[in-house]
């Protein structure tokens, strides 16, 4: 049995959950309540000493970091491919994913927000403005790529959802949760809405925050 250690508010956990569903893989989710500090318990420290989700238990491994986890699933279960067959296409999809997952997401996670408040002393309003700033910059970059690249179809790369769509949808969900103005990124928003219409992309408890 595949086990996903995750949390309903975690955008990175959402990516892995959506990828598992797109591939039709059955899994058990083990909740790590980040709001209650469950990531710092001795039990979870044994699972991931970085104290972060997601962690995927599979094939006797404890895999961490959402994009490497999805890449492992792609290699282990190649049916319902999430990456294009050609090298140029794979590079493009990975680049789109990295804009959201590597350039934006690390700046808006709870540990960064908490540090901005204490010890740096930023108000809640200032923290939200910081988060919105980075979401908007990332969204503008993604919008420009989606608009320019001829490989963009109904989804980020062609006519079926894949790795880029999983990550870009998580990005849009986060931006919407923090009430970021995405009016300058209509293609990105429409892409996420097409994904969210599919069961694999169900945001679960995050719906209440949108």
N, C-alpha and C. Protein backbone atom coordinates (compact mmCIF):
# COMPACT_ATOMS: atom_id res chain seq x y z
N UNK A 1 0.84 -1.20 0.00
CA UNK A 1 0.00 0.00 0.00
C UNK A 1 0.87 1.25 0.00
N UNK A 2 0.56 2.16 -0.90
CA UNK A 2 1.23 3.46 -0.93
C UNK A 2 0.64 4.32 0.18
N UNK A 3 1.52 4.97 0.95
CA UNK A 3 1.07 5.85 2.02
C UNK A 3 1.59 7.27 1.79
N UNK A 4 0.67 8.22 1.87
CA UNK A 4 1.03 9.63 1.72
C UNK A 4 0.87 10.33 3.06
N UNK A 5 1.97 10.81 3.59
CA UNK A 5 1.93 11.66 4.78
C UNK A 5 1.73 13.09 4.28
N UNK A 6 0.58 13.67 4.57
CA UNK A 6 0.29 14.99 4.05
C UNK A 6 -0.65 15.75 4.95
N UNK A 7 -1.09 16.91 4.44
CA UNK A 7 -2.01 17.76 5.20
C UNK A 7 -2.88 18.50 4.20
N UNK A 8 -4.13 18.70 4.56
CA UNK A 8 -5.10 19.25 3.61
C UNK A 8 -4.78 20.68 3.18
N UNK A 9 -4.05 21.43 4.00
CA UNK A 9 -3.70 22.80 3.65
C UNK A 9 -2.37 22.91 2.91
N UNK A 10 -1.68 21.80 2.76
CA UNK A 10 -0.36 21.80 2.14
C UNK A 10 -0.48 21.75 0.62
N UNK A 11 0.03 22.78 -0.06
CA UNK A 11 0.00 22.82 -1.51
C UNK A 11 0.89 21.73 -2.10
N UNK A 12 2.01 21.44 -1.44
CA UNK A 12 2.91 20.39 -1.92
C UNK A 12 2.26 19.02 -1.79
N UNK A 13 1.54 18.79 -0.70
CA UNK A 13 0.81 17.52 -0.56
C UNK A 13 -0.27 17.41 -1.63
N UNK A 14 -0.91 18.52 -1.94
CA UNK A 14 -1.94 18.54 -2.99
C UNK A 14 -1.37 18.05 -4.31
N UNK A 15 -0.16 18.49 -4.65
CA UNK A 15 0.45 18.08 -5.92
C UNK A 15 0.59 16.57 -6.00
N UNK A 16 1.12 15.98 -4.95
CA UNK A 16 1.35 14.53 -4.96
C UNK A 16 0.02 13.79 -4.98
N UNK A 17 -0.94 14.28 -4.22
CA UNK A 17 -2.27 13.65 -4.19
C UNK A 17 -2.90 13.66 -5.59
N UNK A 18 -2.81 14.79 -6.28
CA UNK A 18 -3.38 14.88 -7.62
C UNK A 18 -2.65 13.96 -8.59
N UNK A 19 -1.33 13.88 -8.48
CA UNK A 19 -0.56 13.01 -9.37
C UNK A 19 -0.93 11.55 -9.15
N UNK A 20 -1.07 11.14 -7.90
CA UNK A 20 -1.48 9.77 -7.61
C UNK A 20 -2.84 9.46 -8.23
N UNK A 21 -3.75 10.40 -8.12
CA UNK A 21 -5.09 10.19 -8.67
C UNK A 21 -5.07 10.15 -10.19
N UNK A 22 -4.29 11.03 -10.81
CA UNK A 22 -4.21 11.02 -12.27
C UNK A 22 -3.68 9.69 -12.78
N UNK A 23 -2.79 9.08 -12.01
CA UNK A 23 -2.24 7.79 -12.41
C UNK A 23 -3.11 6.62 -11.97
N UNK A 24 -4.21 6.90 -11.28
CA UNK A 24 -5.11 5.84 -10.86
C UNK A 24 -4.54 4.94 -9.78
N UNK A 25 -3.66 5.47 -8.95
CA UNK A 25 -3.00 4.67 -7.91
C UNK A 25 -3.76 4.79 -6.59
N UNK A 26 -4.03 3.68 -5.96
CA UNK A 26 -4.66 3.68 -4.65
C UNK A 26 -3.62 4.02 -3.59
N UNK A 27 -4.03 4.81 -2.60
CA UNK A 27 -3.10 5.18 -1.54
C UNK A 27 -3.86 5.49 -0.27
N UNK A 28 -3.16 5.37 0.83
CA UNK A 28 -3.70 5.75 2.14
C UNK A 28 -3.04 7.05 2.55
N UNK A 29 -3.86 8.02 2.97
CA UNK A 29 -3.27 9.28 3.44
C UNK A 29 -3.24 9.32 4.95
N UNK A 30 -2.08 9.67 5.47
CA UNK A 30 -1.87 9.81 6.91
C UNK A 30 -1.73 11.30 7.19
N UNK A 31 -2.67 11.86 7.94
CA UNK A 31 -2.66 13.30 8.18
C UNK A 31 -1.57 13.68 9.17
N UNK A 32 -0.82 14.70 8.80
CA UNK A 32 0.16 15.31 9.69
C UNK A 32 -0.34 16.73 9.92
N UNK A 33 -0.96 16.97 11.06
CA UNK A 33 -1.62 18.25 11.32
C UNK A 33 -0.56 19.32 11.60
N UNK A 34 -0.24 20.09 10.57
CA UNK A 34 0.79 21.11 10.71
C UNK A 34 0.37 22.22 11.66
N UNK A 35 -0.94 22.44 11.79
CA UNK A 35 -1.42 23.50 12.68
C UNK A 35 -1.22 23.15 14.15
N UNK A 36 -1.14 21.85 14.43
CA UNK A 36 -0.94 21.38 15.80
C UNK A 36 0.49 20.95 16.08
N UNK A 37 1.38 21.16 15.11
CA UNK A 37 2.78 20.82 15.31
C UNK A 37 3.11 19.35 15.21
N UNK A 38 2.24 18.58 14.53
CA UNK A 38 2.48 17.13 14.43
C UNK A 38 3.76 16.82 13.65
N UNK A 39 4.23 17.77 12.85
CA UNK A 39 5.45 17.54 12.08
C UNK A 39 6.70 17.51 12.95
N UNK A 40 6.56 17.97 14.21
CA UNK A 40 7.72 18.02 15.10
C UNK A 40 7.72 16.90 16.14
N UNK A 41 6.79 15.97 16.05
CA UNK A 41 6.75 14.87 17.00
C UNK A 41 7.88 13.88 16.72
N UNK A 42 8.31 13.13 17.71
CA UNK A 42 9.34 12.12 17.48
C UNK A 42 8.91 11.11 16.42
N UNK A 43 7.62 10.78 16.38
CA UNK A 43 7.14 9.81 15.41
C UNK A 43 7.36 10.30 13.97
N UNK A 44 7.03 11.58 13.72
CA UNK A 44 7.22 12.09 12.36
C UNK A 44 8.67 12.43 12.09
N UNK A 45 9.43 12.77 13.11
CA UNK A 45 10.86 13.00 12.92
C UNK A 45 11.53 11.76 12.33
N UNK A 46 11.04 10.58 12.73
CA UNK A 46 11.58 9.34 12.19
C UNK A 46 11.21 9.15 10.72
N UNK A 47 10.12 9.79 10.30
CA UNK A 47 9.67 9.70 8.91
C UNK A 47 10.40 10.72 8.04
N UNK A 48 10.50 11.96 8.53
CA UNK A 48 11.17 13.02 7.79
C UNK A 48 11.77 14.03 8.76
N UNK A 49 13.07 13.97 8.98
CA UNK A 49 13.71 14.89 9.92
C UNK A 49 13.67 16.36 9.50
N UNK A 50 13.24 16.63 8.26
CA UNK A 50 13.05 18.03 7.84
C UNK A 50 11.74 18.59 8.39
N UNK A 51 10.89 17.70 8.92
CA UNK A 51 9.62 18.10 9.52
C UNK A 51 8.71 18.79 8.51
N UNK A 52 8.63 18.22 7.31
CA UNK A 52 7.81 18.80 6.25
C UNK A 52 7.04 17.70 5.54
N UNK A 53 5.91 18.07 4.98
CA UNK A 53 5.14 17.17 4.12
C UNK A 53 5.20 17.72 2.70
N UNK A 54 5.02 16.84 1.71
CA UNK A 54 4.60 15.44 1.80
C UNK A 54 5.77 14.48 1.95
N UNK A 55 5.44 13.28 2.45
CA UNK A 55 6.34 12.13 2.42
C UNK A 55 5.54 10.98 1.81
N UNK A 56 6.14 10.30 0.86
CA UNK A 56 5.46 9.16 0.24
C UNK A 56 6.19 7.88 0.60
N UNK A 57 5.47 6.98 1.26
CA UNK A 57 5.99 5.65 1.55
C UNK A 57 5.61 4.73 0.41
N UNK A 58 6.63 4.21 -0.28
CA UNK A 58 6.38 3.35 -1.43
C UNK A 58 7.63 2.51 -1.69
N UNK A 59 7.42 1.25 -2.00
CA UNK A 59 8.53 0.36 -2.35
C UNK A 59 9.61 0.33 -1.27
N UNK A 60 9.22 0.46 0.00
CA UNK A 60 10.17 0.44 1.09
C UNK A 60 10.95 1.74 1.25
N UNK A 61 10.53 2.80 0.53
CA UNK A 61 11.22 4.09 0.57
C UNK A 61 10.37 5.13 1.28
N UNK A 62 11.03 6.16 1.77
CA UNK A 62 10.36 7.36 2.27
C UNK A 62 10.82 8.51 1.37
N UNK A 63 10.00 8.85 0.38
CA UNK A 63 10.36 9.88 -0.58
C UNK A 63 9.86 11.24 -0.11
N UNK A 64 10.67 12.28 -0.30
CA UNK A 64 10.31 13.63 0.11
C UNK A 64 10.43 14.58 -1.08
N UNK A 65 9.84 15.77 -0.93
CA UNK A 65 9.81 16.83 -1.93
C UNK A 65 8.87 16.44 -3.07
N UNK A 66 7.86 17.27 -3.29
CA UNK A 66 6.77 16.89 -4.18
C UNK A 66 7.21 16.58 -5.61
N UNK A 67 8.09 17.38 -6.19
CA UNK A 67 8.46 17.13 -7.59
C UNK A 67 9.27 15.85 -7.76
N UNK A 68 10.28 15.58 -6.93
CA UNK A 68 10.95 14.28 -7.04
C UNK A 68 10.01 13.10 -6.79
N UNK A 69 9.05 13.27 -5.90
CA UNK A 69 8.06 12.20 -5.67
C UNK A 69 7.27 11.93 -6.95
N UNK A 70 6.82 12.99 -7.60
CA UNK A 70 6.03 12.82 -8.82
C UNK A 70 6.89 12.22 -9.94
N UNK A 71 8.15 12.63 -10.01
CA UNK A 71 9.06 12.06 -11.01
C UNK A 71 9.25 10.56 -10.75
N UNK A 72 9.35 10.18 -9.48
CA UNK A 72 9.48 8.75 -9.15
C UNK A 72 8.23 7.99 -9.60
N UNK A 73 7.07 8.54 -9.32
CA UNK A 73 5.84 7.89 -9.75
C UNK A 73 5.79 7.77 -11.28
N UNK A 74 6.30 8.78 -11.97
CA UNK A 74 6.29 8.75 -13.43
C UNK A 74 7.17 7.61 -13.96
N UNK A 75 8.31 7.41 -13.32
CA UNK A 75 9.20 6.34 -13.76
C UNK A 75 8.70 4.96 -13.32
N UNK A 76 8.14 4.92 -12.13
CA UNK A 76 7.68 3.64 -11.58
C UNK A 76 6.38 3.16 -12.22
N UNK A 77 5.51 4.11 -12.55
CA UNK A 77 4.20 3.79 -13.14
C UNK A 77 4.03 4.63 -14.40
N UNK A 78 4.66 4.22 -15.52
CA UNK A 78 4.66 5.07 -16.71
C UNK A 78 3.31 5.23 -17.40
N UNK A 79 2.35 4.35 -17.09
CA UNK A 79 1.02 4.50 -17.68
C UNK A 79 0.40 5.81 -17.21
N UNK A 80 -0.42 6.41 -18.06
CA UNK A 80 -0.98 7.75 -17.82
C UNK A 80 0.17 8.72 -17.56
N UNK A 81 0.95 8.93 -18.58
CA UNK A 81 2.17 9.74 -18.46
C UNK A 81 1.85 11.17 -18.05
N UNK A 82 2.66 11.70 -17.15
CA UNK A 82 2.53 13.09 -16.71
C UNK A 82 3.59 13.98 -17.34
N UNK A 83 4.53 13.37 -18.06
CA UNK A 83 5.57 14.11 -18.78
C UNK A 83 5.50 13.77 -20.26
N UNK A 84 5.82 14.73 -21.15
CA UNK A 84 5.82 14.46 -22.58
C UNK A 84 6.88 13.41 -22.96
N UNK A 85 6.72 12.83 -24.12
CA UNK A 85 7.65 11.80 -24.58
C UNK A 85 8.97 12.39 -25.06
N UNK A 86 8.97 13.64 -25.53
CA UNK A 86 10.18 14.24 -26.09
C UNK A 86 10.95 15.05 -25.06
N UNK A 87 12.26 15.12 -25.24
CA UNK A 87 13.13 15.80 -24.27
C UNK A 87 12.80 17.28 -24.15
N UNK A 88 12.52 17.94 -25.28
CA UNK A 88 12.20 19.37 -25.25
C UNK A 88 10.90 19.61 -24.48
N UNK A 89 9.92 18.74 -24.70
CA UNK A 89 8.66 18.87 -23.99
C UNK A 89 8.82 18.66 -22.49
N UNK A 90 9.62 17.67 -22.12
CA UNK A 90 9.85 17.41 -20.69
C UNK A 90 10.55 18.60 -20.04
N UNK A 91 11.52 19.19 -20.76
CA UNK A 91 12.22 20.36 -20.21
C UNK A 91 11.26 21.52 -20.01
N UNK A 92 10.36 21.73 -20.97
CA UNK A 92 9.39 22.83 -20.85
C UNK A 92 8.46 22.61 -19.67
N UNK A 93 7.93 21.40 -19.54
CA UNK A 93 7.00 21.11 -18.45
C UNK A 93 7.70 21.27 -17.10
N UNK A 94 8.92 20.77 -16.99
CA UNK A 94 9.65 20.90 -15.73
C UNK A 94 9.93 22.36 -15.39
N UNK A 95 10.23 23.17 -16.41
CA UNK A 95 10.49 24.59 -16.17
C UNK A 95 9.24 25.30 -15.66
N UNK A 96 8.10 25.02 -16.28
CA UNK A 96 6.85 25.62 -15.79
C UNK A 96 6.60 25.24 -14.34
N UNK A 97 6.81 23.96 -14.04
CA UNK A 97 6.59 23.49 -12.67
C UNK A 97 7.54 24.17 -11.70
N UNK A 98 8.79 24.35 -12.10
CA UNK A 98 9.78 24.94 -11.19
C UNK A 98 9.50 26.41 -10.89
N UNK A 99 8.94 27.13 -11.87
CA UNK A 99 8.59 28.53 -11.60
C UNK A 99 7.69 28.62 -10.38
N UNK A 100 6.69 27.74 -10.33
CA UNK A 100 5.75 27.76 -9.21
C UNK A 100 6.32 27.09 -7.96
N UNK A 101 6.88 25.90 -8.13
CA UNK A 101 7.27 25.10 -6.97
C UNK A 101 8.59 25.54 -6.35
N UNK A 102 9.50 26.09 -7.15
CA UNK A 102 10.82 26.45 -6.63
C UNK A 102 11.03 27.95 -6.46
N UNK A 103 10.44 28.75 -7.35
CA UNK A 103 10.64 30.20 -7.26
C UNK A 103 9.63 30.90 -6.35
N UNK A 104 8.41 30.38 -6.29
CA UNK A 104 7.35 31.05 -5.52
C UNK A 104 7.06 30.33 -4.21
N UNK A 105 6.76 29.05 -4.28
CA UNK A 105 6.26 28.34 -3.12
C UNK A 105 7.16 28.42 -1.88
N UNK A 106 8.49 28.33 -2.01
CA UNK A 106 9.32 28.41 -0.80
C UNK A 106 9.20 29.73 -0.05
N UNK A 107 8.74 30.77 -0.72
CA UNK A 107 8.65 32.09 -0.09
C UNK A 107 7.35 32.29 0.68
N UNK A 108 6.37 31.39 0.53
CA UNK A 108 5.06 31.64 1.14
C UNK A 108 4.67 30.57 2.16
N UNK A 109 5.56 29.63 2.43
CA UNK A 109 5.23 28.54 3.35
C UNK A 109 5.14 29.06 4.79
N UNK A 110 4.46 28.33 5.69
CA UNK A 110 4.25 28.81 7.06
C UNK A 110 5.52 29.20 7.80
N UNK A 111 6.61 28.43 7.64
CA UNK A 111 7.81 28.76 8.40
C UNK A 111 8.38 30.12 7.99
N UNK A 112 8.20 30.50 6.71
CA UNK A 112 8.65 31.82 6.27
C UNK A 112 7.71 32.89 6.81
N UNK A 113 6.41 32.64 6.72
CA UNK A 113 5.44 33.61 7.24
C UNK A 113 5.64 33.83 8.74
N UNK A 114 5.88 32.74 9.46
CA UNK A 114 6.11 32.87 10.90
C UNK A 114 7.37 33.69 11.20
N UNK A 115 8.41 33.49 10.43
CA UNK A 115 9.65 34.24 10.65
C UNK A 115 9.48 35.72 10.33
N UNK A 116 8.67 36.01 9.31
CA UNK A 116 8.40 37.41 8.99
C UNK A 116 7.71 38.11 10.16
N UNK A 117 6.87 37.35 10.88
CA UNK A 117 6.18 37.94 12.02
C UNK A 117 7.07 38.02 13.25
N UNK A 118 7.74 36.94 13.55
CA UNK A 118 8.61 36.86 14.73
C UNK A 118 9.82 36.02 14.36
N UNK A 119 11.01 36.63 14.26
CA UNK A 119 11.44 37.86 14.93
C UNK A 119 11.40 39.16 14.12
N UNK A 120 11.03 39.13 12.84
CA UNK A 120 11.18 40.33 12.03
C UNK A 120 10.12 41.39 12.29
N UNK A 121 9.02 40.99 12.90
CA UNK A 121 8.05 41.98 13.35
C UNK A 121 7.10 42.52 12.31
N UNK A 122 6.94 41.83 11.19
CA UNK A 122 5.98 42.29 10.19
C UNK A 122 4.55 42.05 10.66
N UNK A 123 3.68 42.99 10.35
CA UNK A 123 2.27 42.83 10.67
C UNK A 123 1.65 41.78 9.77
N UNK A 124 0.45 41.32 10.12
CA UNK A 124 -0.24 40.35 9.29
C UNK A 124 -0.52 40.94 7.91
N UNK A 125 -0.87 42.22 7.87
CA UNK A 125 -1.12 42.89 6.59
C UNK A 125 0.13 42.89 5.73
N UNK A 126 1.28 43.16 6.33
CA UNK A 126 2.54 43.19 5.57
C UNK A 126 2.92 41.80 5.09
N UNK A 127 2.67 40.78 5.91
CA UNK A 127 2.97 39.41 5.51
C UNK A 127 2.12 39.01 4.30
N UNK A 128 0.86 39.36 4.32
CA UNK A 128 -0.02 39.03 3.20
C UNK A 128 0.43 39.76 1.94
N UNK A 129 0.84 41.01 2.07
CA UNK A 129 1.33 41.77 0.91
C UNK A 129 2.58 41.12 0.34
N UNK A 130 3.45 40.62 1.19
CA UNK A 130 4.67 39.91 0.77
C UNK A 130 4.30 38.68 -0.04
N UNK A 131 3.36 37.90 0.49
CA UNK A 131 2.93 36.67 -0.17
C UNK A 131 2.28 36.98 -1.52
N UNK A 132 1.40 37.97 -1.55
CA UNK A 132 0.73 38.34 -2.79
C UNK A 132 1.72 38.81 -3.85
N UNK A 133 2.75 39.52 -3.41
CA UNK A 133 3.77 40.01 -4.34
C UNK A 133 4.42 38.85 -5.09
N UNK A 134 4.81 37.81 -4.37
CA UNK A 134 5.51 36.69 -5.00
C UNK A 134 4.56 35.82 -5.82
N UNK A 135 3.35 35.67 -5.35
CA UNK A 135 2.37 34.94 -6.15
C UNK A 135 2.11 35.66 -7.47
N UNK A 136 2.02 36.98 -7.42
CA UNK A 136 1.74 37.73 -8.65
C UNK A 136 2.90 37.67 -9.62
N UNK A 137 4.12 37.81 -9.12
CA UNK A 137 5.28 37.74 -10.02
C UNK A 137 5.35 36.37 -10.70
N UNK A 138 5.15 35.31 -9.93
CA UNK A 138 5.17 33.98 -10.50
C UNK A 138 4.04 33.78 -11.49
N UNK A 139 2.87 34.28 -11.17
CA UNK A 139 1.71 34.14 -12.06
C UNK A 139 1.93 34.89 -13.37
N UNK A 140 2.52 36.07 -13.29
CA UNK A 140 2.80 36.84 -14.51
C UNK A 140 3.78 36.08 -15.40
N UNK A 141 4.79 35.47 -14.80
CA UNK A 141 5.78 34.71 -15.58
C UNK A 141 5.13 33.50 -16.23
N UNK A 142 4.30 32.80 -15.49
CA UNK A 142 3.62 31.62 -16.03
C UNK A 142 2.66 32.02 -17.15
N UNK A 143 1.93 33.11 -16.95
CA UNK A 143 1.00 33.58 -17.97
C UNK A 143 1.73 33.89 -19.27
N UNK A 144 2.87 34.54 -19.16
CA UNK A 144 3.64 34.89 -20.35
C UNK A 144 4.10 33.65 -21.10
N UNK A 145 4.54 32.65 -20.36
CA UNK A 145 4.98 31.41 -21.02
C UNK A 145 3.82 30.67 -21.67
N UNK A 146 2.71 30.58 -20.96
CA UNK A 146 1.54 29.90 -21.52
C UNK A 146 1.04 30.61 -22.78
N UNK A 147 1.08 31.93 -22.77
CA UNK A 147 0.60 32.70 -23.92
C UNK A 147 1.55 32.59 -25.11
N UNK A 148 2.84 32.52 -24.84
CA UNK A 148 3.84 32.55 -25.91
C UNK A 148 4.08 31.19 -26.55
N UNK A 149 4.08 30.16 -25.75
CA UNK A 149 4.51 28.84 -26.22
C UNK A 149 3.43 28.16 -27.05
N UNK A 150 3.78 27.68 -28.19
CA UNK A 150 2.81 27.00 -29.06
C UNK A 150 2.40 25.64 -28.51
N UNK A 151 3.17 25.10 -27.55
CA UNK A 151 2.83 23.80 -26.97
C UNK A 151 1.65 23.87 -26.01
N UNK A 152 1.30 25.07 -25.58
CA UNK A 152 0.15 25.22 -24.69
C UNK A 152 -1.12 24.81 -25.42
N UNK A 153 -1.91 23.94 -24.80
CA UNK A 153 -3.18 23.54 -25.38
C UNK A 153 -4.31 23.81 -24.40
N UNK A 154 -5.22 22.89 -24.28
CA UNK A 154 -6.26 23.02 -23.27
C UNK A 154 -5.64 22.97 -21.87
N UNK A 155 -4.49 22.28 -21.80
CA UNK A 155 -3.75 22.20 -20.55
C UNK A 155 -2.36 22.79 -20.78
N UNK A 156 -1.51 22.72 -19.80
CA UNK A 156 -0.22 23.42 -19.87
C UNK A 156 0.63 22.95 -21.03
N UNK A 157 0.52 21.65 -21.36
CA UNK A 157 1.31 21.11 -22.47
C UNK A 157 0.44 20.10 -23.21
N UNK A 158 -0.31 20.60 -24.17
CA UNK A 158 -1.16 19.72 -24.96
C UNK A 158 -2.57 19.61 -24.43
N UNK A 159 -3.17 18.47 -24.67
CA UNK A 159 -4.61 18.30 -24.42
C UNK A 159 -4.93 17.37 -23.26
N UNK A 160 -3.95 17.02 -22.47
CA UNK A 160 -4.18 16.19 -21.28
C UNK A 160 -3.41 16.77 -20.11
N UNK A 161 -3.96 16.70 -18.91
CA UNK A 161 -3.25 17.25 -17.75
C UNK A 161 -2.02 16.42 -17.41
N UNK A 162 -0.99 17.10 -16.94
CA UNK A 162 0.25 16.43 -16.57
C UNK A 162 0.92 17.12 -15.40
N UNK A 163 2.22 16.91 -15.28
CA UNK A 163 2.96 17.43 -14.13
C UNK A 163 2.83 18.94 -13.99
N UNK A 164 2.96 19.67 -15.09
CA UNK A 164 2.86 21.13 -15.00
C UNK A 164 1.50 21.56 -14.50
N UNK A 165 0.44 20.90 -14.94
CA UNK A 165 -0.91 21.27 -14.51
C UNK A 165 -1.11 21.02 -13.02
N UNK A 166 -0.55 19.93 -12.51
CA UNK A 166 -0.64 19.64 -11.08
C UNK A 166 -0.02 20.79 -10.28
N UNK A 167 1.17 21.22 -10.71
CA UNK A 167 1.88 22.26 -9.96
C UNK A 167 1.23 23.63 -10.16
N UNK A 168 0.85 23.95 -11.39
CA UNK A 168 0.24 25.26 -11.65
C UNK A 168 -1.11 25.39 -10.96
N UNK A 169 -1.86 24.30 -10.86
CA UNK A 169 -3.14 24.37 -10.15
C UNK A 169 -2.91 24.60 -8.67
N UNK A 170 -1.90 23.97 -8.10
CA UNK A 170 -1.59 24.22 -6.69
C UNK A 170 -1.18 25.68 -6.49
N UNK A 171 -0.45 26.23 -7.44
CA UNK A 171 -0.05 27.64 -7.37
C UNK A 171 -1.27 28.56 -7.37
N UNK A 172 -2.21 28.30 -8.28
CA UNK A 172 -3.41 29.15 -8.35
C UNK A 172 -4.24 29.01 -7.09
N UNK A 173 -4.35 27.80 -6.56
CA UNK A 173 -5.10 27.62 -5.31
C UNK A 173 -4.48 28.47 -4.20
N UNK A 174 -3.16 28.43 -4.07
CA UNK A 174 -2.50 29.24 -3.05
C UNK A 174 -2.72 30.72 -3.27
N UNK A 175 -2.59 31.16 -4.53
CA UNK A 175 -2.79 32.58 -4.83
C UNK A 175 -4.21 33.01 -4.49
N UNK A 176 -5.19 32.16 -4.78
CA UNK A 176 -6.58 32.51 -4.48
C UNK A 176 -6.84 32.51 -2.98
N UNK A 177 -6.24 31.61 -2.26
CA UNK A 177 -6.41 31.58 -0.81
C UNK A 177 -5.94 32.91 -0.20
N UNK A 178 -4.85 33.46 -0.75
CA UNK A 178 -4.32 34.72 -0.23
C UNK A 178 -4.83 35.94 -1.00
N UNK A 179 -5.93 35.73 -1.75
CA UNK A 179 -6.64 36.83 -2.42
C UNK A 179 -5.73 37.64 -3.32
N UNK A 180 -4.85 36.97 -4.03
CA UNK A 180 -3.97 37.63 -4.98
C UNK A 180 -4.74 38.01 -6.24
N UNK A 181 -4.47 39.17 -6.76
CA UNK A 181 -5.11 39.62 -7.99
C UNK A 181 -4.49 38.88 -9.17
N UNK A 182 -5.25 38.00 -9.78
CA UNK A 182 -4.77 37.23 -10.93
C UNK A 182 -5.43 37.68 -12.23
N UNK A 183 -5.95 38.90 -12.24
CA UNK A 183 -6.66 39.38 -13.43
C UNK A 183 -5.73 39.49 -14.64
N UNK A 184 -4.42 39.65 -14.40
CA UNK A 184 -3.47 39.75 -15.49
C UNK A 184 -3.00 38.37 -15.97
N UNK A 185 -3.54 37.31 -15.37
CA UNK A 185 -3.14 35.95 -15.75
C UNK A 185 -4.39 35.11 -16.06
N UNK A 186 -5.18 35.52 -17.07
CA UNK A 186 -6.43 34.80 -17.35
C UNK A 186 -6.21 33.38 -17.85
N UNK A 187 -5.16 33.14 -18.65
CA UNK A 187 -4.91 31.79 -19.14
C UNK A 187 -4.58 30.85 -17.99
N UNK A 188 -3.77 31.33 -17.08
CA UNK A 188 -3.39 30.53 -15.91
C UNK A 188 -4.61 30.18 -15.08
N UNK A 189 -5.46 31.17 -14.83
CA UNK A 189 -6.67 30.91 -14.04
C UNK A 189 -7.61 29.94 -14.73
N UNK A 190 -7.78 30.09 -16.06
CA UNK A 190 -8.66 29.19 -16.80
C UNK A 190 -8.10 27.78 -16.83
N UNK A 191 -6.79 27.67 -16.93
CA UNK A 191 -6.14 26.36 -16.90
C UNK A 191 -6.44 25.65 -15.59
N UNK A 192 -6.27 26.37 -14.48
CA UNK A 192 -6.54 25.79 -13.16
C UNK A 192 -7.99 25.38 -13.03
N UNK A 193 -8.90 26.20 -13.56
CA UNK A 193 -10.33 25.87 -13.47
C UNK A 193 -10.66 24.60 -14.26
N UNK A 194 -10.01 24.43 -15.42
CA UNK A 194 -10.23 23.19 -16.19
C UNK A 194 -9.74 21.98 -15.41
N UNK A 195 -8.61 22.14 -14.73
CA UNK A 195 -8.10 21.04 -13.92
C UNK A 195 -9.02 20.77 -12.73
N UNK A 196 -9.45 21.80 -12.05
CA UNK A 196 -10.27 21.65 -10.86
C UNK A 196 -11.63 21.04 -11.17
N UNK A 197 -12.02 21.05 -12.43
CA UNK A 197 -13.28 20.40 -12.82
C UNK A 197 -13.13 18.89 -12.88
N UNK A 198 -11.90 18.39 -12.78
CA UNK A 198 -11.66 16.95 -12.82
C UNK A 198 -11.51 16.40 -11.40
N UNK A 199 -12.04 15.20 -11.13
CA UNK A 199 -11.97 14.64 -9.77
C UNK A 199 -10.56 14.53 -9.21
N UNK A 200 -9.57 14.26 -10.06
CA UNK A 200 -8.20 14.09 -9.57
C UNK A 200 -7.67 15.34 -8.91
N UNK A 201 -8.22 16.50 -9.28
CA UNK A 201 -7.70 17.77 -8.78
C UNK A 201 -8.56 18.33 -7.62
N UNK A 202 -9.42 17.52 -7.08
CA UNK A 202 -10.28 17.97 -5.96
C UNK A 202 -9.42 18.57 -4.84
N UNK A 203 -9.64 19.84 -4.47
CA UNK A 203 -8.81 20.45 -3.43
C UNK A 203 -9.22 20.12 -2.01
N UNK A 204 -10.27 19.31 -1.85
CA UNK A 204 -10.66 18.88 -0.51
C UNK A 204 -10.98 20.05 0.41
N UNK A 205 -10.36 20.01 1.60
CA UNK A 205 -10.64 21.03 2.61
C UNK A 205 -10.25 22.44 2.23
N UNK A 206 -9.38 22.58 1.23
CA UNK A 206 -8.98 23.93 0.81
C UNK A 206 -10.14 24.71 0.22
N UNK A 207 -11.22 24.02 -0.19
CA UNK A 207 -12.39 24.71 -0.74
C UNK A 207 -12.91 25.76 0.21
N UNK A 208 -12.87 25.46 1.51
CA UNK A 208 -13.42 26.40 2.49
C UNK A 208 -12.61 27.68 2.62
N UNK A 209 -11.38 27.66 2.08
CA UNK A 209 -10.51 28.84 2.17
C UNK A 209 -10.55 29.71 0.92
N UNK A 210 -11.18 29.22 -0.13
CA UNK A 210 -11.17 29.94 -1.41
C UNK A 210 -12.24 31.02 -1.45
